Amino acid sequence: MTRSKKTKKSNKLKSVILKIFLVLVALGVIGFACLGLLNLHVINSYKAVVYSLEGFESSEVSSAHYDAVIVLGCAVYKNGVASPMLADRLRTAAAVYKTGCCDYVLVSGDSEHPEDYDETGTMKAFLIEEGVPESAIVCDPLGLSTYETAVRAASLFDIKTAVVVTTEFHCARSVYDCSGFGIESVGVEAINSGYVIQPYNYIREFIARGKDFVFMIVRPGV
């Protein structure tokens, strides 16, 4: 093969690779834009019913009656101690319960194998220390995701109205999911006692909002 033919073949291969790269970049940009639009939809759909704790306590919504406070689980350390993020969710849920707006607190998290990892057991113990009666705490040990929490709250626990308590970045999606299963919900953003929310939390939530939008259409597990 002559040098000229080799050069033409090499240039053609480079051209094909460049076209593939540009197509992948374009698809990535389109995908990111679509995901961004879905995020805006989820956030904007329910931002009017998401409150700070102070805003909830001082507004008329706290005088309404709800079936339950739903508090979403997150990390528990190996020694069974709630992470700062989870502790603040629970402190907020206890404060909401003490307004007298609901019958009980549903703690939902991963306790599928409680001998190894027990979110809901830790959550229940923490709430008791915060002054919530044990009789007013119900555990959902299979709330393995926000979506599954919403499905189970509606179908298994027959919750029709709820105050959903979780961390600020997670609140809109949690209310979105619960509302999608017929639970009339308001959200309360957990207090922050000083921990830093890491960038990966926002990235993960950005992706999860898109995922749950799709789940609300296809309804897996329902």
Protein backbone atom coordinates (compact mmCIF):
# COMPACT_ATOMS: atom_id res chain seq x y z
CA MET A 1 0.00 0.00 0.00
CA THR A 2 1.37 3.38 -1.02
CA ARG A 3 1.92 6.18 1.51
CA SER A 4 -0.86 8.18 -0.16
CA LYS A 5 -3.38 5.38 0.32
CA LYS A 6 -2.28 4.86 3.93
CA THR A 7 -2.73 8.57 4.61
CA LYS A 8 -6.22 8.57 3.06
CA LYS A 9 -7.22 5.51 5.10
CA SER A 10 -5.89 7.09 8.29
CA ASN A 11 -7.71 10.35 7.60
CA LYS A 12 -10.94 8.47 6.90
CA LEU A 13 -10.65 6.58 10.18
CA LYS A 14 -9.99 9.83 12.07
CA SER A 15 -13.03 11.37 10.41
CA VAL A 16 -15.25 8.45 11.47
CA ILE A 17 -13.93 8.62 15.04
CA LEU A 18 -14.54 12.37 15.16
CA LYS A 19 -18.10 11.96 13.90
CA ILE A 20 -18.82 9.28 16.49
CA PHE A 21 -17.35 11.50 19.20
CA LEU A 22 -19.47 14.48 18.10
CA VAL A 23 -22.61 12.33 18.03
CA LEU A 24 -21.90 11.06 21.56
CA VAL A 25 -21.27 14.61 22.78
CA ALA A 26 -24.53 15.78 21.17
CA LEU A 27 -26.46 12.93 22.75
CA GLY A 28 -24.88 13.73 26.11
CA VAL A 29 -25.87 17.39 25.84
CA ILE A 30 -29.42 16.47 24.83
CA GLY A 31 -29.66 13.96 27.67
CA PHE A 32 -28.37 16.47 30.21
CA ALA A 33 -30.82 19.10 28.96
CA CYS A 34 -33.75 16.68 29.21
CA LEU A 35 -32.70 15.66 32.71
CA GLY A 36 -32.47 19.32 33.64
CA LEU A 37 -36.01 19.95 32.41
CA LEU A 38 -37.30 16.99 34.40
CA ASN A 39 -35.56 18.37 37.49
CA LEU A 40 -37.26 21.72 36.99
CA HIS A 41 -40.61 19.97 36.63
CA VAL A 42 -40.21 18.02 39.87
CA ILE A 43 -38.94 21.02 41.85
CA ASN A 44 -41.42 23.56 40.50
CA SER A 45 -44.40 21.25 40.84
CA TYR A 46 -44.16 21.18 44.63
CA LYS A 47 -41.97 24.08 45.78
CA ALA A 48 -45.10 25.91 46.95
CA VAL A 49 -45.79 23.20 49.54
CA VAL A 50 -42.22 22.77 50.80
CA TYR A 51 -41.46 24.67 54.01
CA SER A 52 -38.64 25.27 56.41
CA LEU A 53 -39.41 24.03 59.92
CA GLU A 54 -39.94 27.59 61.10
CA GLY A 55 -42.14 28.33 58.10
CA PHE A 56 -44.23 25.24 58.73
CA GLU A 57 -44.69 25.96 62.42
CA SER A 58 -45.79 29.54 61.75
CA SER A 59 -48.10 28.78 58.83
CA GLU A 60 -51.68 27.58 58.66
CA VAL A 61 -50.61 24.21 57.25
CA SER A 62 -49.37 23.17 60.71
CA SER A 63 -52.91 23.51 62.06
CA ALA A 64 -54.26 21.00 59.55
CA HIS A 65 -54.46 17.32 60.45
CA TYR A 66 -52.31 14.71 58.69
CA ASP A 67 -52.25 10.96 59.01
CA ALA A 68 -48.51 10.86 59.58
CA VAL A 69 -45.13 12.47 59.45
CA ILE A 70 -43.01 10.49 56.98
CA VAL A 71 -39.29 10.83 57.67
CA LEU A 72 -36.87 9.45 55.09
CA GLY A 73 -33.83 7.53 56.24
CA CYS A 74 -30.19 7.96 55.29
CA ALA A 75 -26.79 6.88 56.59
CA VAL A 76 -26.33 5.20 59.95
CA TYR A 77 -22.78 4.61 61.18
CA LYS A 78 -21.48 1.14 62.01
CA ASN A 79 -21.86 1.77 65.73
CA GLY A 80 -25.58 2.38 65.23
CA VAL A 81 -25.34 6.16 65.55
CA ALA A 82 -27.35 8.35 63.20
CA SER A 83 -25.30 10.43 60.77
CA PRO A 84 -25.63 14.22 61.22
CA MET A 85 -27.95 14.43 58.21
CA LEU A 86 -30.23 11.71 59.57
CA ALA A 87 -30.14 13.18 63.08
CA ASP A 88 -31.35 16.52 61.76
CA ARG A 89 -34.14 14.87 59.80
CA LEU A 90 -35.26 13.15 62.98
CA ARG A 91 -35.04 16.28 65.13
CA THR A 92 -37.19 18.05 62.56
CA ALA A 93 -39.69 15.19 62.40
CA ALA A 94 -39.98 15.22 66.20
CA ALA A 95 -40.63 18.97 66.15
CA VAL A 96 -43.31 18.55 63.48
CA TYR A 97 -44.97 15.75 65.46
CA LYS A 98 -45.01 17.90 68.60
CA THR A 99 -47.12 20.52 66.83
CA GLY A 100 -49.94 18.00 67.17
CA CYS A 101 -50.60 17.95 63.43
CA CYS A 102 -50.43 14.18 62.96
CA ASP A 103 -51.21 10.83 64.53
CA TYR A 104 -47.81 9.19 64.26
CA VAL A 105 -44.36 9.22 62.67
CA LEU A 106 -43.49 6.73 59.94
CA VAL A 107 -39.73 6.14 59.83
CA SER A 108 -38.77 4.68 56.48
CA GLY A 109 -35.36 3.32 55.61
CA ASP A 110 -33.16 0.31 55.01
CA SER A 111 -33.57 -2.34 57.68
CA GLU A 112 -33.84 -5.26 55.30
CA HIS A 113 -31.02 -6.99 57.21
CA PRO A 114 -31.17 -5.35 60.65
CA GLU A 115 -28.46 -7.58 62.08
CA ASP A 116 -26.02 -5.86 59.73
CA TYR A 117 -27.58 -2.45 59.14
CA ASP A 118 -30.66 -1.01 60.83
CA GLU A 119 -31.74 2.47 59.79
CA THR A 120 -35.28 2.33 61.14
CA GLY A 121 -34.24 0.89 64.51
CA THR A 122 -31.76 3.74 64.93
CA MET A 123 -34.38 6.25 63.80
CA LYS A 124 -36.96 4.96 66.25
CA ALA A 125 -34.53 5.07 69.18
CA PHE A 126 -33.51 8.63 68.27
CA LEU A 127 -37.13 9.82 68.11
CA ILE A 128 -37.87 8.32 71.51
CA GLU A 129 -34.92 10.27 72.92
CA GLU A 130 -36.43 13.38 71.30
CA GLY A 131 -39.65 12.84 73.24
CA VAL A 132 -41.82 11.10 70.66
CA PRO A 133 -43.82 8.28 72.33
CA GLU A 134 -42.81 4.80 71.19
CA SER A 135 -46.48 4.07 70.51
CA ALA A 136 -46.49 6.90 67.96
CA ILE A 137 -43.60 5.53 65.89
CA VAL A 138 -44.15 3.06 63.04
CA CYS A 139 -41.23 1.52 61.16
CA ASP A 140 -41.06 0.71 57.48
CA PRO A 141 -37.92 -1.45 57.20
CA LEU A 142 -38.14 -1.74 53.42
CA GLY A 143 -38.12 1.91 52.47
CA LEU A 144 -35.05 1.23 50.37
CA SER A 145 -35.56 4.26 48.13
CA THR A 146 -37.69 7.38 48.05
CA TYR A 147 -39.92 5.77 45.44
CA GLU A 148 -40.38 2.59 47.50
CA THR A 149 -41.15 4.65 50.60
CA ALA A 150 -43.95 6.42 48.71
CA VAL A 151 -45.34 3.17 47.28
CA ARG A 152 -45.40 1.48 50.68
CA ALA A 153 -46.72 4.51 52.57
CA ALA A 154 -49.74 4.58 50.27
CA SER A 155 -50.39 0.87 49.75
CA LEU A 156 -49.16 -0.80 52.94
CA PHE A 157 -49.71 1.92 55.56
CA ASP A 158 -52.76 3.46 53.88
CA ILE A 159 -51.52 7.02 54.42
CA LYS A 160 -53.70 9.58 52.71
CA THR A 161 -52.19 12.82 54.06
CA ALA A 162 -48.65 13.42 55.27
CA VAL A 163 -45.92 15.83 56.24
CA VAL A 164 -42.77 14.59 54.52
CA VAL A 165 -39.52 15.42 56.33
CA THR A 166 -36.13 15.11 54.71
CA THR A 167 -33.05 17.15 53.77
CA GLU A 168 -33.54 20.29 51.66
CA PHE A 169 -32.18 18.91 48.36
CA HIS A 170 -34.32 15.78 48.72
CA CYS A 171 -37.59 17.36 49.79
CA ALA A 172 -39.22 18.19 46.45
CA ARG A 173 -38.73 14.69 45.04
CA SER A 174 -40.05 13.09 48.23
CA VAL A 175 -43.25 15.14 48.10
CA TYR A 176 -43.47 14.52 44.34
CA ASP A 177 -43.29 10.75 44.82
CA CYS A 178 -45.77 10.67 47.70
CA SER A 179 -48.22 12.90 45.85
CA GLY A 180 -47.87 10.66 42.82
CA PHE A 181 -49.35 7.83 44.85
CA GLY A 182 -52.29 9.85 46.09
CA ILE A 183 -50.84 11.06 49.38
CA GLU A 184 -51.77 14.70 49.90
CA SER A 185 -48.41 15.96 51.10
CA VAL A 186 -46.48 18.96 52.27
CA GLY A 187 -42.73 18.90 52.78
CA VAL A 188 -40.61 20.21 55.62
CA GLU A 189 -36.91 20.70 55.04
CA ALA A 190 -34.78 19.32 57.85
CA ILE A 191 -32.75 21.74 59.92
CA ASN A 192 -29.01 21.77 59.35
CA SER A 193 -26.96 21.72 62.54
CA GLY A 194 -23.74 22.48 60.71
CA TYR A 195 -22.79 19.55 58.48
CA VAL A 196 -21.72 20.19 54.89
CA ILE A 197 -23.83 18.68 52.11
CA GLN A 198 -21.39 17.13 49.65
CA PRO A 199 -21.57 17.77 45.88
CA TYR A 200 -22.28 14.10 45.18
CA ASN A 201 -25.57 14.46 47.09
CA TYR A 202 -26.74 17.07 44.61
CA ILE A 203 -25.47 15.07 41.62
CA ARG A 204 -27.19 11.93 42.86
CA GLU A 205 -30.42 13.85 43.46
CA PHE A 206 -30.23 15.45 39.99
CA ILE A 207 -30.19 11.96 38.44
CA ALA A 208 -32.77 10.53 40.86
CA ARG A 209 -35.36 13.17 40.01
CA GLY A 210 -35.23 12.08 36.39
CA LYS A 211 -35.40 8.44 37.40
CA ASP A 212 -38.46 8.96 39.60
CA PHE A 213 -40.21 10.95 36.88
CA VAL A 214 -39.90 7.88 34.65
CA PHE A 215 -40.92 5.58 37.52
CA MET A 216 -44.11 7.59 38.01
CA ILE A 217 -45.00 6.73 34.43
CA VAL A 218 -44.06 3.04 34.32
CA ARG A 219 -44.89 2.34 38.02
CA PRO A 220 -42.53 -0.56 38.76
CA GLY A 221 -43.54 -2.69 41.73
CA VAL A 222 -47.12 -1.46 41.74
